Amino acid sequence: MTSTREPAAAPGEPSDAAAPIDASTVTHADIERHLGTSSLDGLGDRMNWLRAAVLGANDGIVSVAGLVVGVAGATSERSAILIAGVAALTAGALSMAAGEYVSVSTQRDSEESLLERERRELRDDPDDELAELAALYVERGLQEDLAVEVARQLTEHDALGAHAEVELGIDPDDLTSAWNAALASMLSFTLGALLPLLTIVFAPAQVRVAVTVGAVAAALAITGFLSARLGYGSASRAVARNVGGGLFAMLVTYAIGAALGTQIG
């Protein structure tokens, strides 16, 4: 007879099997200690702000750096580089703000429409909605009797919130503001763009491109590291992506600027 028993993990090796749970050891004090301390509270809004800020800063750094380095490859005139950089900063900041506003507004409109539908269904057929919520908890692993009791208690506490979270993945009290996202994106783009612009304008002509490339690489490494830490991601991968992409963009634009400058000259 062939045994189907899984081999035991070697000493010191992690086991895939979960440790047995003894619910009797969980006290009321333990539950109280964890109430309101979830590390995921506000995570959706935090991730939206993080996305807008990091995307804005990276876009500002890379796009303006690529443009001013490209212009520097074509001409050594400081005024031409400054004008091009300021124009790129202004257009980019406004474009980022408008794009973020439209994107978040569309998302928020969809979420509000779904929430309004849930309100209407809860008002018109509360019994069916209760059964639906219980079924969702059964699909998540609860026994039917327990799922019904959980659904009943959550419905009594906050029917819309319970349905929005489980059925739609939305927190009705934590919808992202389109104006805040747009402002964050515009400001972060501007701050990011100022670094390569000021660096290339004020650096000595002989080393302005090299100094700008170094400053941009350092800034992208910092934004990549911060985005990884705030978003619980891998810092090394984020830094490599940011720095590699920025250096590649500057290399391409500088080569194009140098080629065009030679032909025009």
C-alpha atoms as a PDB file:
ATOM      1  CA  MET A   1       0.000   0.000   0.000  1.00  0.00           C
ATOM      2  CA  THR A   2       1.460   3.322  -1.097  1.00  0.00           C
ATOM      3  CA  SER A   3       1.478   6.046   1.524  1.00  0.00           C
ATOM      4  CA  THR A   4       0.284   9.531   0.525  1.00  0.00           C
ATOM      5  CA  ARG A   5       1.726  11.138   3.613  1.00  0.00           C
ATOM      6  CA  GLU A   6       3.800  14.245   2.881  1.00  0.00           C
ATOM      7  CA  PRO A   7       7.457  13.973   3.952  1.00  0.00           C
ATOM      8  CA  ALA A   8       8.273  15.965   7.044  1.00  0.00           C
ATOM      9  CA  ALA A   9      10.286  19.110   6.584  1.00  0.00           C
ATOM     10  CA  ALA A  10      13.955  18.813   7.426  1.00  0.00           C
ATOM     11  CA  PRO A  11      15.101  20.485  10.631  1.00  0.00           C
ATOM     12  CA  GLY A  12      15.586  24.202  10.065  1.00  0.00           C
ATOM     13  CA  GLU A  13      13.502  24.225   6.864  1.00  0.00           C
ATOM     14  CA  PRO A  14      10.169  26.082   6.723  1.00  0.00           C
ATOM     15  CA  SER A  15       7.077  23.932   6.425  1.00  0.00           C
ATOM     16  CA  ASP A  16       4.258  24.717   3.967  1.00  0.00           C
ATOM     17  CA  ALA A  17       1.672  23.404   6.406  1.00  0.00           C
ATOM     18  CA  ALA A  18       0.042  26.019   8.606  1.00  0.00           C
ATOM     19  CA  ALA A  19       0.330  25.592  12.355  1.00  0.00           C
ATOM     20  CA  PRO A  20      -2.870  24.315  14.003  1.00  0.00           C
ATOM     21  CA  ILE A  21      -5.125  27.095  15.272  1.00  0.00           C
ATOM     22  CA  ASP A  22      -6.433  27.051  18.833  1.00  0.00           C
ATOM     23  CA  ALA A  23      -9.178  29.683  18.963  1.00  0.00           C
ATOM     24  CA  SER A  24      -9.611  29.150  22.701  1.00  0.00           C
ATOM     25  CA  THR A  25      -6.322  30.974  23.309  1.00  0.00           C
ATOM     26  CA  VAL A  26      -7.682  34.211  21.791  1.00  0.00           C
ATOM     27  CA  THR A  27      -8.994  36.438  24.561  1.00  0.00           C
ATOM     28  CA  HIS A  28     -11.142  39.539  24.534  1.00  0.00           C
ATOM     29  CA  ALA A  29      -8.069  41.586  25.460  1.00  0.00           C
ATOM     30  CA  ASP A  30      -6.218  40.223  22.407  1.00  0.00           C
ATOM     31  CA  ILE A  31      -9.035  41.336  20.125  1.00  0.00           C
ATOM     32  CA  GLU A  32      -9.240  44.779  21.722  1.00  0.00           C
ATOM     33  CA  ARG A  33      -5.501  45.214  21.268  1.00  0.00           C
ATOM     34  CA  HIS A  34      -5.807  44.722  17.508  1.00  0.00           C
ATOM     35  CA  LEU A  35      -8.933  46.796  16.922  1.00  0.00           C
ATOM     36  CA  GLY A  36      -8.197  49.740  14.628  1.00  0.00           C
ATOM     37  CA  THR A  37      -4.548  48.786  14.157  1.00  0.00           C
ATOM     38  CA  SER A  38      -4.702  47.139  10.738  1.00  0.00           C
ATOM     39  CA  SER A  39      -1.644  47.978   8.643  1.00  0.00           C
ATOM     40  CA  LEU A  40      -3.951  48.110   5.605  1.00  0.00           C
ATOM     41  CA  ASP A  41      -6.067  51.003   6.882  1.00  0.00           C
ATOM     42  CA  GLY A  42      -6.125  53.688   4.178  1.00  0.00           C
ATOM     43  CA  LEU A  43      -3.805  51.598   1.989  1.00  0.00           C
ATOM     44  CA  GLY A  44      -5.875  52.237  -1.154  1.00  0.00           C
ATOM     45  CA  ASP A  45      -5.687  55.993  -0.766  1.00  0.00           C
ATOM     46  CA  ARG A  46      -2.033  55.780   0.241  1.00  0.00           C
ATOM     47  CA  MET A  47      -1.211  53.762  -2.889  1.00  0.00           C
ATOM     48  CA  ASN A  48      -3.044  56.243  -5.116  1.00  0.00           C
ATOM     49  CA  TRP A  49      -1.124  59.149  -3.615  1.00  0.00           C
ATOM     50  CA  LEU A  50       2.109  57.194  -3.908  1.00  0.00           C
ATOM     51  CA  ARG A  51       1.410  56.342  -7.533  1.00  0.00           C
ATOM     52  CA  ALA A  52       0.625  59.960  -8.420  1.00  0.00           C
ATOM     53  CA  ALA A  53       3.627  61.370  -6.561  1.00  0.00           C
ATOM     54  CA  VAL A  54       6.187  58.840  -7.798  1.00  0.00           C
ATOM     55  CA  LEU A  55       4.875  58.884 -11.356  1.00  0.00           C
ATOM     56  CA  GLY A  56       4.908  62.677 -11.362  1.00  0.00           C
ATOM     57  CA  ALA A  57       8.418  62.976  -9.935  1.00  0.00           C
ATOM     58  CA  ASN A  58       9.873  60.315 -12.195  1.00  0.00           C
ATOM     59  CA  ASP A  59       8.186  61.775 -15.251  1.00  0.00           C
ATOM     60  CA  GLY A  60       9.437  65.234 -14.351  1.00  0.00           C
ATOM     61  CA  ILE A  61      12.990  64.061 -13.837  1.00  0.00           C
ATOM     62  CA  VAL A  62      13.221  61.819 -16.895  1.00  0.00           C
ATOM     63  CA  SER A  63      11.265  63.863 -19.443  1.00  0.00           C
ATOM     64  CA  VAL A  64      12.871  67.219 -18.652  1.00  0.00           C
ATOM     65  CA  ALA A  65      16.322  65.660 -18.246  1.00  0.00           C
ATOM     66  CA  GLY A  66      15.972  63.949 -21.597  1.00  0.00           C
ATOM     67  CA  LEU A  67      14.866  67.159 -23.260  1.00  0.00           C
ATOM     68  CA  VAL A  68      17.534  69.475 -21.825  1.00  0.00           C
ATOM     69  CA  VAL A  69      20.279  66.911 -22.420  1.00  0.00           C
ATOM     70  CA  GLY A  70      19.060  66.537 -26.004  1.00  0.00           C
ATOM     71  CA  VAL A  71      19.121  70.298 -26.502  1.00  0.00           C
ATOM     72  CA  ALA A  72      22.564  70.440 -24.904  1.00  0.00           C
ATOM     73  CA  GLY A  73      23.717  67.872 -27.441  1.00  0.00           C
ATOM     74  CA  ALA A  74      22.597  70.186 -30.242  1.00  0.00           C
ATOM     75  CA  THR A  75      23.727  73.560 -28.848  1.00  0.00           C
ATOM     76  CA  SER A  76      25.840  75.031 -26.087  1.00  0.00           C
ATOM     77  CA  GLU A  77      23.613  78.127 -25.750  1.00  0.00           C
ATOM     78  CA  ARG A  78      22.482  78.322 -22.138  1.00  0.00           C
ATOM     79  CA  SER A  79      19.430  80.438 -23.015  1.00  0.00           C
ATOM     80  CA  ALA A  80      18.158  77.857 -25.515  1.00  0.00           C
ATOM     81  CA  ILE A  81      18.521  75.066 -22.968  1.00  0.00           C
ATOM     82  CA  LEU A  82      16.733  77.143 -20.301  1.00  0.00           C
ATOM     83  CA  ILE A  83      13.819  78.063 -22.565  1.00  0.00           C
ATOM     84  CA  ALA A  84      13.354  74.469 -23.674  1.00  0.00           C
ATOM     85  CA  GLY A  85      13.513  73.221 -20.091  1.00  0.00           C
ATOM     86  CA  VAL A  86      11.023  75.747 -18.733  1.00  0.00           C
ATOM     87  CA  ALA A  87       8.611  75.007 -21.577  1.00  0.00           C
ATOM     88  CA  ALA A  88       8.900  71.266 -20.925  1.00  0.00           C
ATOM     89  CA  LEU A  89       8.393  71.744 -17.183  1.00  0.00           C
ATOM     90  CA  THR A  90       5.276  73.888 -17.627  1.00  0.00           C
ATOM     91  CA  ALA A  91       3.668  71.714 -20.287  1.00  0.00           C
ATOM     92  CA  GLY A  92       4.507  68.516 -18.451  1.00  0.00           C
ATOM     93  CA  ALA A  93       3.195  69.676 -15.075  1.00  0.00           C
ATOM     94  CA  LEU A  94      -0.119  70.798 -16.571  1.00  0.00           C
ATOM     95  CA  SER A  95      -0.412  67.635 -18.625  1.00  0.00           C
ATOM     96  CA  MET A  96       0.225  65.428 -15.587  1.00  0.00           C
ATOM     97  CA  ALA A  97      -2.331  67.318 -13.514  1.00  0.00           C
ATOM     98  CA  ALA A  98      -4.987  67.120 -16.224  1.00  0.00           C
ATOM     99  CA  GLY A  99      -4.331  63.443 -16.899  1.00  0.00           C
ATOM    100  CA  GLU A 100      -4.441  62.529 -13.217  1.00  0.00           C
ATOM    101  CA  TYR A 101      -7.633  64.514 -12.682  1.00  0.00           C
ATOM    102  CA  VAL A 102      -9.392  62.819 -15.595  1.00  0.00           C
ATOM    103  CA  SER A 103      -8.175  59.358 -14.574  1.00  0.00           C
ATOM    104  CA  VAL A 104      -9.160  59.620 -10.910  1.00  0.00           C
ATOM    105  CA  SER A 105     -12.452  61.368 -11.740  1.00  0.00           C
ATOM    106  CA  THR A 106     -13.397  58.514 -14.058  1.00  0.00           C
ATOM    107  CA  GLN A 107     -12.492  55.951 -11.385  1.00  0.00           C
ATOM    108  CA  ARG A 108     -14.435  57.848  -8.726  1.00  0.00           C
ATOM    109  CA  ASP A 109     -17.494  58.221 -10.986  1.00  0.00           C
ATOM    110  CA  SER A 110     -17.506  54.458 -11.526  1.00  0.00           C
ATOM    111  CA  GLU A 111     -17.157  53.760  -7.805  1.00  0.00           C
ATOM    112  CA  GLU A 112     -19.942  56.179  -6.895  1.00  0.00           C
ATOM    113  CA  SER A 113     -22.202  54.631  -9.546  1.00  0.00           C
ATOM    114  CA  LEU A 114     -21.592  51.152  -8.141  1.00  0.00           C
ATOM    115  CA  LEU A 115     -22.225  52.364  -4.597  1.00  0.00           C
ATOM    116  CA  GLU A 116     -25.487  54.012  -5.653  1.00  0.00           C
ATOM    117  CA  ARG A 117     -26.590  50.743  -7.237  1.00  0.00           C
ATOM    118  CA  GLU A 118     -25.814  48.918  -4.002  1.00  0.00           C
ATOM    119  CA  ARG A 119     -27.822  51.459  -1.993  1.00  0.00           C
ATOM    120  CA  ARG A 120     -30.788  50.938  -4.304  1.00  0.00           C
ATOM    121  CA  GLU A 121     -30.568  47.145  -4.090  1.00  0.00           C
ATOM    122  CA  LEU A 122     -30.283  47.256  -0.295  1.00  0.00           C
ATOM    123  CA  ARG A 123     -33.337  49.489  -0.129  1.00  0.00           C
ATOM    124  CA  ASP A 124     -35.462  47.509  -2.618  1.00  0.00           C
ATOM    125  CA  ASP A 125     -34.562  43.909  -1.687  1.00  0.00           C
ATOM    126  CA  PRO A 126     -32.654  43.705   1.623  1.00  0.00           C
ATOM    127  CA  ASP A 127     -33.354  39.988   2.149  1.00  0.00           C
ATOM    128  CA  ASP A 128     -31.799  39.004  -1.176  1.00  0.00           C
ATOM    129  CA  GLU A 129     -28.824  41.261  -0.481  1.00  0.00           C
ATOM    130  CA  LEU A 130     -28.326  39.550   2.872  1.00  0.00           C
ATOM    131  CA  ALA A 131     -28.354  36.162   1.142  1.00  0.00           C
ATOM    132  CA  GLU A 132     -25.901  37.457  -1.445  1.00  0.00           C
ATOM    133  CA  LEU A 133     -23.509  38.697   1.223  1.00  0.00           C
ATOM    134  CA  ALA A 134     -23.716  35.366   3.051  1.00  0.00           C
ATOM    135  CA  ALA A 135     -22.982  33.521  -0.198  1.00  0.00           C
ATOM    136  CA  LEU A 136     -19.880  35.661  -0.730  1.00  0.00           C
ATOM    137  CA  TYR A 137     -18.593  34.660   2.696  1.00  0.00           C
ATOM    138  CA  VAL A 138     -19.343  31.002   1.964  1.00  0.00           C
ATOM    139  CA  GLU A 139     -17.208  31.327  -1.187  1.00  0.00           C
ATOM    140  CA  ARG A 140     -14.441  32.709   1.020  1.00  0.00           C
ATOM    141  CA  GLY A 141     -14.469  29.636   3.218  1.00  0.00           C
ATOM    142  CA  LEU A 142     -16.982  30.221   6.012  1.00  0.00           C
ATOM    143  CA  GLN A 143     -19.516  27.554   6.881  1.00  0.00           C
ATOM    144  CA  GLU A 144     -23.026  28.467   5.799  1.00  0.00           C
ATOM    145  CA  ASP A 145     -24.478  29.043   9.273  1.00  0.00           C
ATOM    146  CA  LEU A 146     -21.522  31.192  10.277  1.00  0.00           C
ATOM    147  CA  ALA A 147     -21.613  33.084   6.956  1.00  0.00           C
ATOM    148  CA  VAL A 148     -25.280  33.967   7.511  1.00  0.00           C
ATOM    149  CA  GLU A 149     -24.561  35.178  11.039  1.00  0.00           C
ATOM    150  CA  VAL A 150     -21.560  37.252   9.900  1.00  0.00           C
ATOM    151  CA  ALA A 151     -23.568  38.746   7.060  1.00  0.00           C
ATOM    152  CA  ARG A 152     -26.437  39.574   9.417  1.00  0.00           C
ATOM    153  CA  GLN A 153     -24.231  41.307  11.958  1.00  0.00           C
ATOM    154  CA  LEU A 154     -22.301  43.265   9.312  1.00  0.00           C
ATOM    155  CA  THR A 155     -25.552  44.314   7.662  1.00  0.00           C
ATOM    156  CA  GLU A 156     -26.869  45.606  10.976  1.00  0.00           C
ATOM    157  CA  HIS A 157     -23.620  47.503  11.551  1.00  0.00           C
ATOM    158  CA  ASP A 158     -23.065  48.929   8.042  1.00  0.00           C
ATOM    159  CA  ALA A 159     -24.873  47.221   5.178  1.00  0.00           C
ATOM    160  CA  LEU A 160     -23.422  49.382   2.408  1.00  0.00           C
ATOM    161  CA  GLY A 161     -19.885  49.156   3.761  1.00  0.00           C
ATOM    162  CA  ALA A 162     -20.072  45.375   4.041  1.00  0.00           C
ATOM    163  CA  HIS A 163     -21.337  44.905   0.478  1.00  0.00           C
ATOM    164  CA  ALA A 164     -18.953  47.494  -0.961  1.00  0.00           C
ATOM    165  CA  GLU A 165     -15.925  45.848   0.629  1.00  0.00           C
ATOM    166  CA  VAL A 166     -16.717  42.209  -0.134  1.00  0.00           C
ATOM    167  CA  GLU A 167     -18.601  42.528  -3.412  1.00  0.00           C
ATOM    168  CA  LEU A 168     -16.992  45.587  -5.025  1.00  0.00           C
ATOM    169  CA  GLY A 169     -13.656  46.028  -3.265  1.00  0.00           C
ATOM    170  CA  ILE A 170     -14.508  49.669  -2.458  1.00  0.00           C
ATOM    171  CA  ASP A 171     -14.347  51.595   0.806  1.00  0.00           C
ATOM    172  CA  PRO A 172     -17.241  54.110   0.653  1.00  0.00           C
ATOM    173  CA  ASP A 173     -15.466  56.345   3.184  1.00  0.00           C
ATOM    174  CA  ASP A 174     -12.119  56.338   1.378  1.00  0.00           C
ATOM    175  CA  LEU A 175     -12.747  57.471  -2.206  1.00  0.00           C
ATOM    176  CA  THR A 176      -9.776  59.262  -3.741  1.00  0.00           C
ATOM    177  CA  SER A 177     -10.068  62.991  -4.437  1.00  0.00           C
ATOM    178  CA  ALA A 178      -9.386  63.856  -8.083  1.00  0.00           C
ATOM    179  CA  TRP A 179      -8.249  67.380  -7.167  1.00  0.00           C
ATOM    180  CA  ASN A 180      -5.807  66.114  -4.549  1.00  0.00           C
ATOM    181  CA  ALA A 181      -4.385  63.564  -6.966  1.00  0.00           C
ATOM    182  CA  ALA A 182      -4.014  66.196  -9.695  1.00  0.00           C
ATOM    183  CA  LEU A 183      -2.278  68.633  -7.351  1.00  0.00           C
ATOM    184  CA  ALA A 184       0.064  65.937  -6.038  1.00  0.00           C
ATOM    185  CA  SER A 185       0.956  64.898  -9.563  1.00  0.00           C
ATOM    186  CA  MET A 186       1.586  68.472 -10.733  1.00  0.00           C
ATOM    187  CA  LEU A 187       3.723  69.402  -7.723  1.00  0.00           C
ATOM    188  CA  SER A 188       5.754  66.211  -7.838  1.00  0.00           C
ATOM    189  CA  PHE A 189       6.383  66.640 -11.578  1.00  0.00           C
ATOM    190  CA  THR A 190       7.529  70.218 -11.003  1.00  0.00           C
ATOM    191  CA  LEU A 191       9.887  69.276  -8.188  1.00  0.00           C
ATOM    192  CA  GLY A 192      11.306  66.415 -10.209  1.00  0.00           C
ATOM    193  CA  ALA A 193      11.761  68.571 -13.320  1.00  0.00           C
ATOM    194  CA  LEU A 194      13.547  71.351 -11.447  1.00  0.00           C
ATOM    195  CA  LEU A 195      16.511  69.101 -10.646  1.00  0.00           C
ATOM    196  CA  PRO A 196      17.795  68.472 -14.198  1.00  0.00           C
ATOM    197  CA  LEU A 197      16.765  71.957 -15.338  1.00  0.00           C
ATOM    198  CA  LEU A 198      18.674  73.836 -12.623  1.00  0.00           C
ATOM    199  CA  THR A 199      21.615  71.444 -12.796  1.00  0.00           C
ATOM    200  CA  ILE A 200      22.207  71.796 -16.525  1.00  0.00           C
ATOM    201  CA  VAL A 201      21.653  75.566 -16.522  1.00  0.00           C
ATOM    202  CA  PHE A 202      24.050  76.374 -13.675  1.00  0.00           C
ATOM    203  CA  ALA A 203      26.720  73.716 -14.242  1.00  0.00           C
ATOM    204  CA  PRO A 204      29.856  74.758 -16.176  1.00  0.00           C
ATOM    205  CA  ALA A 205      29.431  74.262 -19.926  1.00  0.00           C
ATOM    206  CA  GLN A 206      32.255  71.729 -20.150  1.00  0.00           C
ATOM    207  CA  VAL A 207      30.666  69.312 -17.662  1.00  0.00           C
ATOM    208  CA  ARG A 208      26.992  70.245 -17.697  1.00  0.00           C
ATOM    209  CA  VAL A 209      25.847  67.033 -19.374  1.00  0.00           C
ATOM    210  CA  ALA A 210      27.930  64.775 -17.134  1.00  0.00           C
ATOM    211  CA  VAL A 211      26.844  66.587 -13.969  1.00  0.00           C
ATOM    212  CA  THR A 212      23.191  66.450 -15.041  1.00  0.00           C
ATOM    213  CA  VAL A 213      23.390  62.726 -15.797  1.00  0.00           C
ATOM    214  CA  GLY A 214      24.912  62.078 -12.376  1.00  0.00           C
ATOM    215  CA  ALA A 215      22.338  64.203 -10.559  1.00  0.00           C
ATOM    216  CA  VAL A 216      19.457  62.578 -12.417  1.00  0.00           C
ATOM    217  CA  ALA A 217      20.758  59.062 -11.710  1.00  0.00           C
ATOM    218  CA  ALA A 218      21.036  59.873  -8.000  1.00  0.00           C
ATOM    219  CA  ALA A 219      17.539  61.399  -7.902  1.00  0.00           C
ATOM    220  CA  LEU A 220      16.002  58.417  -9.691  1.00  0.00           C
ATOM    221  CA  ALA A 221      17.735  56.069  -7.277  1.00  0.00           C
ATOM    222  CA  ILE A 222      16.193  57.977  -4.354  1.00  0.00           C
ATOM    223  CA  THR A 223      12.664  58.020  -5.812  1.00  0.00           C
ATOM    224  CA  GLY A 224      12.932  54.343  -6.684  1.00  0.00           C
ATOM    225  CA  PHE A 225      14.053  53.485  -3.167  1.00  0.00           C
ATOM    226  CA  LEU A 226      11.310  55.573  -1.540  1.00  0.00           C
ATOM    227  CA  SER A 227       8.585  54.140  -3.767  1.00  0.00           C
ATOM    228  CA  ALA A 228       9.696  50.612  -2.916  1.00  0.00           C
ATOM    229  CA  ARG A 229       9.785  51.297   0.823  1.00  0.00           C
ATOM    230  CA  LEU A 230       6.409  53.022   0.904  1.00  0.00           C
ATOM    231  CA  GLY A 231       4.829  50.416  -1.349  1.00  0.00           C
ATOM    232  CA  TYR A 232       6.418  47.372   0.354  1.00  0.00           C
ATOM    233  CA  GLY A 233       8.263  46.404  -2.837  1.00  0.00           C
ATOM    234  CA  SER A 234      11.813  45.422  -3.722  1.00  0.00           C
ATOM    235  CA  ALA A 235      14.139  48.428  -3.408  1.00  0.00           C
ATOM    236  CA  SER A 236      16.831  47.002  -5.667  1.00  0.00           C
ATOM    237  CA  ARG A 237      14.431  46.318  -8.538  1.00  0.00           C
ATOM    238  CA  ALA A 238      12.762  49.715  -8.219  1.00  0.00           C
ATOM    239  CA  VAL A 239      16.107  51.548  -8.204  1.00  0.00           C
ATOM    240  CA  ALA A 240      17.382  49.540 -11.179  1.00  0.00           C
ATOM    241  CA  ARG A 241      14.238  50.248 -13.198  1.00  0.00           C
ATOM    242  CA  ASN A 242      14.277  53.969 -12.422  1.00  0.00           C
ATOM    243  CA  VAL A 243      17.961  54.580 -13.030  1.00  0.00           C
ATOM    244  CA  GLY A 244      18.188  52.328 -16.075  1.00  0.00           C
ATOM    245  CA  GLY A 245      15.185  53.898 -17.765  1.00  0.00           C
ATOM    246  CA  GLY A 246      16.370  57.438 -17.077  1.00  0.00           C
ATOM    247  CA  LEU A 247      19.901  56.824 -18.354  1.00  0.00           C
ATOM    248  CA  PHE A 248      18.565  55.183 -21.503  1.00  0.00           C
ATOM    249  CA  ALA A 249      16.238  58.124 -22.184  1.00  0.00           C
ATOM    250  CA  MET A 250      19.049  60.655 -21.779  1.00  0.00           C
ATOM    251  CA  LEU A 251      21.393  58.624 -23.982  1.00  0.00           C
ATOM    252  CA  VAL A 252      18.858  58.485 -26.798  1.00  0.00           C
ATOM    253  CA  THR A 253      17.897  62.159 -26.654  1.00  0.00           C
ATOM    254  CA  TYR A 254      21.516  63.308 -26.409  1.00  0.00           C
ATOM    255  CA  ALA A 255      22.433  61.219 -29.464  1.00  0.00           C
ATOM    256  CA  ILE A 256      19.499  62.655 -31.428  1.00  0.00           C
ATOM    257  CA  GLY A 257      20.347  66.221 -30.350  1.00  0.00           C
ATOM    258  CA  ALA A 258      24.012  65.807 -31.248  1.00  0.00           C
ATOM    259  CA  ALA A 259      23.121  64.345 -34.650  1.00  0.00           C
ATOM    260  CA  LEU A 260      20.638  67.106 -35.455  1.00  0.00           C
ATOM    261  CA  GLY A 261      22.961  69.816 -34.155  1.00  0.00           C
ATOM    262  CA  THR A 262      25.758  68.586 -36.423  1.00  0.00           C
ATOM    263  CA  GLN A 263      23.497  68.491 -39.464  1.00  0.00           C
ATOM    264  CA  ILE A 264      21.971  71.914 -38.807  1.00  0.00           C
ATOM    265  CA  GLY A 265      25.316  73.452 -38.013  1.00  0.00           C
END
